Amino acid sequence: MNSDFTLAIHSLTLLALQPDRMSTSDAIAESAGVHPVRIRKVLGLLKKHGFIKSKEGSGGGFIFAKDLNEVNLWDIYKLTSEGALQPKCPDSNEKCMVGAHMHKVLFAIFLGAEEHLGEFLKHYSIKEVVDLIRQEKECCE
């Protein structure tokens, strides 16, 4: 899984917690602790797929575009990281029975693992992430 997945969830959660106002990429980047260019890349992807809207100019920024319950973590994973869960196999000896087939066998196993991950992530919407953030905030105050 790559960091774009985490940054997308972070961005969507921050926007969901501020439904009545726009947030700038600089503000989101500051919250996530990354350079604004990294966030703009992720925000561009989220905008392209209709998860957020943007407005340019003074008072502009980004805002959540869907119902929080409509967006699950699997949707975001597929957008940012699909296929990222793959085995890292060195160049094996193709003359060896194991070396010749290890990558293909592990790839199939990891593909199955990604399918299971998807079934799990489908159970978490951005609404639930927002609720979990609020619970964490309350317990820490």
N, C-alpha and C. Protein backbone atom coordinates (compact mmCIF):
# COMPACT_ATOMS: atom_id res chain seq x y z
N MET A 1 0.86 -1.17 0.00
CA MET A 1 0.00 0.00 0.00
C MET A 1 0.91 1.23 0.00
N ASN A 2 0.55 2.21 -0.79
CA ASN A 2 1.40 3.39 -0.85
C ASN A 2 0.83 4.54 -0.01
N SER A 3 1.63 5.58 0.12
CA SER A 3 1.21 6.69 0.98
C SER A 3 0.08 7.51 0.36
N ASP A 4 -0.15 7.41 -0.95
CA ASP A 4 -1.27 8.14 -1.54
C ASP A 4 -2.59 7.70 -0.93
N PHE A 5 -2.71 6.42 -0.61
CA PHE A 5 -3.93 5.91 0.04
C PHE A 5 -4.15 6.63 1.37
N THR A 6 -3.12 6.67 2.18
CA THR A 6 -3.21 7.32 3.49
C THR A 6 -3.49 8.81 3.34
N LEU A 7 -2.82 9.46 2.40
CA LEU A 7 -3.03 10.89 2.19
C LEU A 7 -4.44 11.18 1.68
N ALA A 8 -4.97 10.30 0.86
CA ALA A 8 -6.34 10.48 0.36
C ALA A 8 -7.34 10.36 1.50
N ILE A 9 -7.18 9.35 2.34
CA ILE A 9 -8.07 9.17 3.49
C ILE A 9 -7.95 10.36 4.44
N HIS A 10 -6.72 10.80 4.68
CA HIS A 10 -6.48 11.96 5.55
C HIS A 10 -7.21 13.19 4.98
N SER A 11 -7.02 13.43 3.70
CA SER A 11 -7.63 14.61 3.06
C SER A 11 -9.15 14.55 3.12
N LEU A 12 -9.72 13.40 2.75
CA LEU A 12 -11.17 13.26 2.76
C LEU A 12 -11.74 13.41 4.17
N THR A 13 -11.05 12.87 5.15
CA THR A 13 -11.51 12.97 6.53
C THR A 13 -11.48 14.42 7.01
N LEU A 14 -10.41 15.12 6.70
CA LEU A 14 -10.32 16.53 7.08
C LEU A 14 -11.43 17.34 6.42
N LEU A 15 -11.66 17.10 5.13
CA LEU A 15 -12.74 17.81 4.43
C LEU A 15 -14.11 17.44 5.00
N ALA A 16 -14.28 16.19 5.36
CA ALA A 16 -15.56 15.74 5.93
C ALA A 16 -15.84 16.39 7.28
N LEU A 17 -14.79 16.67 8.03
CA LEU A 17 -14.96 17.31 9.34
C LEU A 17 -15.25 18.81 9.22
N GLN A 18 -15.11 19.36 8.02
CA GLN A 18 -15.37 20.78 7.77
C GLN A 18 -16.31 20.93 6.58
N PRO A 19 -17.52 20.39 6.70
CA PRO A 19 -18.41 20.33 5.53
C PRO A 19 -18.90 21.67 4.99
N ASP A 20 -18.82 22.70 5.81
CA ASP A 20 -19.37 23.99 5.40
C ASP A 20 -18.33 24.99 4.94
N ARG A 21 -17.09 24.53 4.81
CA ARG A 21 -16.07 25.48 4.35
C ARG A 21 -15.01 24.77 3.51
N MET A 22 -14.41 25.56 2.65
CA MET A 22 -13.36 25.07 1.78
C MET A 22 -12.07 24.95 2.57
N SER A 23 -11.24 24.00 2.20
CA SER A 23 -9.92 23.85 2.79
C SER A 23 -8.88 23.93 1.68
N THR A 24 -7.82 24.64 1.93
CA THR A 24 -6.77 24.77 0.92
C THR A 24 -5.85 23.56 0.94
N SER A 25 -5.16 23.35 -0.15
CA SER A 25 -4.19 22.26 -0.20
C SER A 25 -3.07 22.50 0.81
N ASP A 26 -2.72 23.76 1.06
CA ASP A 26 -1.70 24.06 2.06
C ASP A 26 -2.15 23.64 3.46
N ALA A 27 -3.41 23.90 3.79
CA ALA A 27 -3.93 23.52 5.11
C ALA A 27 -3.98 22.00 5.25
N ILE A 28 -4.39 21.32 4.19
CA ILE A 28 -4.46 19.86 4.24
C ILE A 28 -3.06 19.28 4.34
N ALA A 29 -2.11 19.84 3.58
CA ALA A 29 -0.72 19.38 3.63
C ALA A 29 -0.13 19.58 5.02
N GLU A 30 -0.44 20.70 5.64
CA GLU A 30 0.07 20.96 7.00
C GLU A 30 -0.48 19.92 7.97
N SER A 31 -1.76 19.60 7.85
CA SER A 31 -2.37 18.60 8.71
C SER A 31 -1.73 17.24 8.52
N ALA A 32 -1.45 16.88 7.26
CA ALA A 32 -0.88 15.57 6.95
C ALA A 32 0.63 15.52 7.15
N GLY A 33 1.26 16.69 7.28
CA GLY A 33 2.70 16.73 7.48
C GLY A 33 3.50 16.41 6.23
N VAL A 34 2.97 16.81 5.07
CA VAL A 34 3.67 16.58 3.81
C VAL A 34 3.71 17.87 3.00
N HIS A 35 4.49 17.86 1.95
CA HIS A 35 4.61 19.02 1.08
C HIS A 35 3.29 19.22 0.31
N PRO A 36 2.85 20.46 0.13
CA PRO A 36 1.60 20.72 -0.58
C PRO A 36 1.53 20.11 -1.98
N VAL A 37 2.65 19.97 -2.66
CA VAL A 37 2.64 19.36 -3.99
C VAL A 37 2.16 17.91 -3.93
N ARG A 38 2.57 17.19 -2.89
CA ARG A 38 2.11 15.80 -2.71
C ARG A 38 0.60 15.75 -2.52
N ILE A 39 0.08 16.66 -1.70
CA ILE A 39 -1.36 16.70 -1.45
C ILE A 39 -2.11 17.11 -2.71
N ARG A 40 -1.58 18.06 -3.46
CA ARG A 40 -2.26 18.49 -4.68
C ARG A 40 -2.39 17.34 -5.68
N LYS A 41 -1.40 16.49 -5.74
CA LYS A 41 -1.47 15.31 -6.63
C LYS A 41 -2.63 14.41 -6.21
N VAL A 42 -2.73 14.14 -4.93
CA VAL A 42 -3.80 13.28 -4.41
C VAL A 42 -5.15 13.96 -4.57
N LEU A 43 -5.23 15.25 -4.26
CA LEU A 43 -6.48 15.99 -4.40
C LEU A 43 -6.94 16.02 -5.86
N GLY A 44 -6.00 16.14 -6.77
CA GLY A 44 -6.35 16.12 -8.19
C GLY A 44 -6.99 14.79 -8.59
N LEU A 45 -6.46 13.71 -8.06
CA LEU A 45 -7.02 12.38 -8.32
C LEU A 45 -8.42 12.24 -7.72
N LEU A 46 -8.58 12.72 -6.49
CA LEU A 46 -9.89 12.66 -5.83
C LEU A 46 -10.92 13.52 -6.56
N LYS A 47 -10.49 14.67 -7.04
CA LYS A 47 -11.39 15.55 -7.80
C LYS A 47 -11.78 14.91 -9.12
N LYS A 48 -10.81 14.36 -9.81
CA LYS A 48 -11.06 13.72 -11.12
C LYS A 48 -12.12 12.63 -11.01
N HIS A 49 -12.15 11.94 -9.87
CA HIS A 49 -13.10 10.84 -9.69
C HIS A 49 -14.35 11.24 -8.90
N GLY A 50 -14.53 12.54 -8.69
CA GLY A 50 -15.77 13.05 -8.14
C GLY A 50 -15.94 12.97 -6.63
N PHE A 51 -14.86 12.68 -5.90
CA PHE A 51 -14.96 12.60 -4.45
C PHE A 51 -14.97 13.98 -3.81
N ILE A 52 -14.31 14.94 -4.45
CA ILE A 52 -14.24 16.30 -3.94
C ILE A 52 -14.50 17.28 -5.08
N LYS A 53 -14.79 18.53 -4.70
CA LYS A 53 -14.94 19.63 -5.65
C LYS A 53 -13.93 20.69 -5.25
N SER A 54 -13.62 21.56 -6.19
CA SER A 54 -12.70 22.64 -5.87
C SER A 54 -13.20 23.96 -6.45
N LYS A 55 -12.69 25.03 -5.87
CA LYS A 55 -12.97 26.38 -6.35
C LYS A 55 -11.65 27.13 -6.31
N GLU A 56 -11.34 27.80 -7.38
CA GLU A 56 -10.09 28.55 -7.44
C GLU A 56 -10.29 29.97 -6.97
N GLY A 57 -9.20 30.62 -6.64
CA GLY A 57 -9.24 32.03 -6.27
C GLY A 57 -9.40 32.26 -4.78
N SER A 58 -9.63 33.51 -4.44
CA SER A 58 -9.80 33.91 -3.05
C SER A 58 -10.99 33.18 -2.42
N GLY A 59 -10.78 32.59 -1.26
CA GLY A 59 -11.83 31.85 -0.58
C GLY A 59 -12.04 30.46 -1.17
N GLY A 60 -11.19 30.10 -2.09
CA GLY A 60 -11.32 28.80 -2.75
C GLY A 60 -10.65 27.68 -1.96
N GLY A 61 -10.68 26.53 -2.53
CA GLY A 61 -10.09 25.37 -1.91
C GLY A 61 -10.84 24.12 -2.33
N PHE A 62 -10.90 23.17 -1.43
CA PHE A 62 -11.52 21.88 -1.71
C PHE A 62 -12.61 21.59 -0.70
N ILE A 63 -13.62 20.85 -1.15
CA ILE A 63 -14.74 20.47 -0.30
C ILE A 63 -15.21 19.08 -0.70
N PHE A 64 -15.69 18.33 0.28
CA PHE A 64 -16.19 16.97 0.04
C PHE A 64 -17.41 17.04 -0.88
N ALA A 65 -17.50 16.15 -1.87
CA ALA A 65 -18.57 16.23 -2.87
C ALA A 65 -19.63 15.15 -2.76
N LYS A 66 -19.45 14.19 -1.89
CA LYS A 66 -20.40 13.07 -1.79
C LYS A 66 -20.89 12.92 -0.35
N ASP A 67 -21.87 12.07 -0.19
CA ASP A 67 -22.30 11.69 1.15
C ASP A 67 -21.19 10.85 1.78
N LEU A 68 -20.89 11.10 3.03
CA LEU A 68 -19.78 10.41 3.70
C LEU A 68 -19.95 8.90 3.72
N ASN A 69 -21.18 8.43 3.73
CA ASN A 69 -21.44 6.99 3.75
C ASN A 69 -21.24 6.33 2.39
N GLU A 70 -21.19 7.13 1.33
CA GLU A 70 -21.04 6.60 -0.03
C GLU A 70 -19.61 6.20 -0.36
N VAL A 71 -18.65 6.73 0.35
CA VAL A 71 -17.25 6.52 0.02
C VAL A 71 -16.64 5.56 1.04
N ASN A 72 -16.24 4.38 0.55
CA ASN A 72 -15.59 3.44 1.47
C ASN A 72 -14.10 3.38 1.17
N LEU A 73 -13.36 2.80 2.09
CA LEU A 73 -11.91 2.79 1.95
C LEU A 73 -11.44 1.94 0.77
N TRP A 74 -12.23 0.96 0.37
CA TRP A 74 -11.88 0.16 -0.80
C TRP A 74 -11.92 1.02 -2.07
N ASP A 75 -12.90 1.93 -2.16
CA ASP A 75 -12.96 2.85 -3.29
C ASP A 75 -11.65 3.64 -3.41
N ILE A 76 -11.17 4.11 -2.29
CA ILE A 76 -9.96 4.93 -2.26
C ILE A 76 -8.73 4.06 -2.53
N TYR A 77 -8.71 2.87 -1.98
CA TYR A 77 -7.60 1.95 -2.22
C TYR A 77 -7.48 1.65 -3.71
N LYS A 78 -8.60 1.33 -4.34
CA LYS A 78 -8.58 1.02 -5.77
C LYS A 78 -8.06 2.20 -6.59
N LEU A 79 -8.41 3.39 -6.17
CA LEU A 79 -8.00 4.60 -6.87
C LEU A 79 -6.50 4.88 -6.70
N THR A 80 -5.98 4.62 -5.53
CA THR A 80 -4.60 5.03 -5.21
C THR A 80 -3.59 3.90 -5.19
N SER A 81 -4.03 2.68 -4.93
CA SER A 81 -3.07 1.62 -4.61
C SER A 81 -3.33 0.27 -5.23
N GLU A 82 -4.37 0.13 -6.03
CA GLU A 82 -4.71 -1.19 -6.54
C GLU A 82 -3.50 -1.83 -7.22
N GLY A 83 -3.25 -3.07 -6.86
CA GLY A 83 -2.11 -3.80 -7.39
C GLY A 83 -0.82 -3.57 -6.63
N ALA A 84 -0.86 -2.72 -5.61
CA ALA A 84 0.35 -2.41 -4.85
C ALA A 84 0.76 -3.55 -3.93
N LEU A 85 -0.19 -4.40 -3.60
CA LEU A 85 0.10 -5.51 -2.72
C LEU A 85 0.65 -6.66 -3.57
N GLN A 86 1.96 -6.63 -3.80
CA GLN A 86 2.60 -7.63 -4.64
C GLN A 86 3.89 -8.10 -3.97
N PRO A 87 4.23 -9.35 -4.21
CA PRO A 87 5.48 -9.86 -3.63
C PRO A 87 6.68 -9.23 -4.33
N LYS A 88 7.71 -9.00 -3.59
CA LYS A 88 8.97 -8.49 -4.15
C LYS A 88 9.91 -9.68 -4.25
N CYS A 89 10.03 -10.21 -5.45
CA CYS A 89 10.85 -11.40 -5.68
C CYS A 89 12.12 -11.00 -6.44
N PRO A 90 13.26 -11.48 -5.98
CA PRO A 90 14.49 -11.22 -6.74
C PRO A 90 14.47 -12.05 -8.03
N ASP A 91 15.33 -11.72 -8.95
CA ASP A 91 15.45 -12.52 -10.17
C ASP A 91 15.96 -13.90 -9.76
N SER A 92 15.10 -14.87 -9.89
CA SER A 92 15.41 -16.22 -9.45
C SER A 92 16.02 -17.03 -10.59
N ASN A 93 16.58 -18.15 -10.22
CA ASN A 93 17.16 -19.07 -11.18
C ASN A 93 16.03 -19.76 -11.93
N GLU A 94 15.87 -19.43 -13.20
CA GLU A 94 14.80 -19.99 -14.01
C GLU A 94 14.97 -21.48 -14.29
N LYS A 95 16.17 -22.01 -14.03
CA LYS A 95 16.41 -23.44 -14.25
C LYS A 95 16.00 -24.27 -13.04
N CYS A 96 15.70 -23.58 -11.95
CA CYS A 96 15.27 -24.25 -10.72
C CYS A 96 13.75 -24.32 -10.69
N MET A 97 13.21 -25.44 -10.25
CA MET A 97 11.76 -25.62 -10.18
C MET A 97 11.11 -24.53 -9.32
N VAL A 98 11.72 -24.21 -8.19
CA VAL A 98 11.18 -23.18 -7.30
C VAL A 98 11.39 -21.79 -7.90
N GLY A 99 12.61 -21.52 -8.31
CA GLY A 99 12.95 -20.21 -8.87
C GLY A 99 12.13 -19.87 -10.10
N ALA A 100 11.81 -20.85 -10.92
CA ALA A 100 11.07 -20.61 -12.15
C ALA A 100 9.60 -20.26 -11.91
N HIS A 101 9.06 -20.63 -10.76
CA HIS A 101 7.62 -20.48 -10.53
C HIS A 101 7.24 -19.66 -9.30
N MET A 102 8.22 -19.29 -8.49
CA MET A 102 7.91 -18.61 -7.22
C MET A 102 7.14 -17.31 -7.43
N HIS A 103 7.58 -16.46 -8.35
CA HIS A 103 6.91 -15.17 -8.53
C HIS A 103 5.44 -15.36 -8.92
N LYS A 104 5.18 -16.25 -9.85
CA LYS A 104 3.80 -16.48 -10.31
C LYS A 104 2.92 -17.01 -9.18
N VAL A 105 3.45 -17.94 -8.39
CA VAL A 105 2.68 -18.52 -7.28
C VAL A 105 2.40 -17.46 -6.22
N LEU A 106 3.42 -16.71 -5.82
CA LEU A 106 3.22 -15.68 -4.80
C LEU A 106 2.31 -14.56 -5.31
N PHE A 107 2.43 -14.22 -6.58
CA PHE A 107 1.56 -13.20 -7.15
C PHE A 107 0.09 -13.60 -7.00
N ALA A 108 -0.23 -14.85 -7.29
CA ALA A 108 -1.61 -15.35 -7.15
C ALA A 108 -2.07 -15.28 -5.70
N ILE A 109 -1.18 -15.63 -4.79
CA ILE A 109 -1.52 -15.58 -3.36
C ILE A 109 -1.78 -14.13 -2.93
N PHE A 110 -0.91 -13.22 -3.34
CA PHE A 110 -1.07 -11.82 -2.97
C PHE A 110 -2.32 -11.21 -3.61
N LEU A 111 -2.65 -11.64 -4.81
CA LEU A 111 -3.87 -11.18 -5.45
C LEU A 111 -5.09 -11.58 -4.61
N GLY A 112 -5.07 -12.80 -4.10
CA GLY A 112 -6.14 -13.24 -3.20
C GLY A 112 -6.17 -12.44 -1.91
N ALA A 113 -4.99 -12.10 -1.40
CA ALA A 113 -4.92 -11.30 -0.18
C ALA A 113 -5.51 -9.91 -0.42
N GLU A 114 -5.24 -9.36 -1.60
CA GLU A 114 -5.79 -8.03 -1.91
C GLU A 114 -7.31 -8.09 -2.02
N GLU A 115 -7.84 -9.18 -2.55
CA GLU A 115 -9.30 -9.34 -2.61
C GLU A 115 -9.89 -9.39 -1.21
N HIS A 116 -9.24 -10.10 -0.29
CA HIS A 116 -9.71 -10.14 1.11
C HIS A 116 -9.60 -8.76 1.76
N LEU A 117 -8.52 -8.06 1.46
CA LEU A 117 -8.36 -6.70 1.98
C LEU A 117 -9.51 -5.83 1.49
N GLY A 118 -9.87 -5.98 0.22
CA GLY A 118 -10.98 -5.21 -0.33
C GLY A 118 -12.28 -5.47 0.39
N GLU A 119 -12.56 -6.73 0.66
CA GLU A 119 -13.80 -7.06 1.39
C GLU A 119 -13.80 -6.43 2.78
N PHE A 120 -12.65 -6.37 3.41
CA PHE A 120 -12.54 -5.75 4.73
C PHE A 120 -12.71 -4.23 4.64
N LEU A 121 -12.01 -3.60 3.69
CA LEU A 121 -12.06 -2.14 3.57
C LEU A 121 -13.43 -1.63 3.15
N LYS A 122 -14.21 -2.45 2.47
CA LYS A 122 -15.56 -2.04 2.05
C LYS A 122 -16.45 -1.75 3.26
N HIS A 123 -16.09 -2.29 4.42
CA HIS A 123 -16.90 -2.11 5.63
C HIS A 123 -16.63 -0.78 6.33
N TYR A 124 -15.68 0.00 5.83
CA TYR A 124 -15.33 1.28 6.44
C TYR A 124 -15.57 2.41 5.46
N SER A 125 -16.50 3.28 5.81
CA SER A 125 -16.76 4.47 5.00
C SER A 125 -15.99 5.64 5.61
N ILE A 126 -15.94 6.73 4.86
CA ILE A 126 -15.32 7.95 5.41
C ILE A 126 -16.10 8.41 6.64
N LYS A 127 -17.40 8.19 6.66
CA LYS A 127 -18.21 8.53 7.85
C LYS A 127 -17.68 7.80 9.08
N GLU A 128 -17.35 6.51 8.92
CA GLU A 128 -16.83 5.76 10.06
C GLU A 128 -15.44 6.22 10.47
N VAL A 129 -14.63 6.61 9.51
CA VAL A 129 -13.32 7.16 9.84
C VAL A 129 -13.48 8.46 10.62
N VAL A 130 -14.40 9.31 10.17
CA VAL A 130 -14.68 10.56 10.89
C VAL A 130 -15.13 10.26 12.32
N ASP A 131 -16.03 9.30 12.47
CA ASP A 131 -16.51 8.93 13.81
C ASP A 131 -15.38 8.42 14.69
N LEU A 132 -14.49 7.62 14.12
CA LEU A 132 -13.35 7.10 14.89
C LEU A 132 -12.40 8.23 15.30
N ILE A 133 -12.19 9.19 14.41
CA ILE A 133 -11.35 10.36 14.75
C ILE A 133 -11.98 11.13 15.90
N ARG A 134 -13.29 11.33 15.83
CA ARG A 134 -13.98 12.06 16.91
C ARG A 134 -13.87 11.30 18.23
N GLN A 135 -14.00 9.97 18.20
CA GLN A 135 -13.87 9.17 19.41
C GLN A 135 -12.47 9.29 20.00
N GLU A 136 -11.46 9.25 19.14
CA GLU A 136 -10.08 9.38 19.61
C GLU A 136 -9.86 10.75 20.24
N LYS A 137 -10.42 11.79 19.63
CA LYS A 137 -10.28 13.14 20.15
C LYS A 137 -10.91 13.24 21.54
N GLU A 138 -12.11 12.65 21.69
CA GLU A 138 -12.82 12.71 22.97
C GLU A 138 -12.07 11.96 24.07
N CYS A 139 -11.50 10.82 23.73
CA CYS A 139 -10.83 10.04 24.77
C CYS A 139 -9.52 10.67 25.20
N CYS A 140 -8.96 11.51 24.34
CA CYS A 140 -7.66 12.10 24.65
C CYS A 140 -7.78 13.47 25.32
N GLU A 141 -8.99 13.98 25.42
CA GLU A 141 -9.17 15.32 26.03
C GLU A 141 -9.31 15.22 27.53
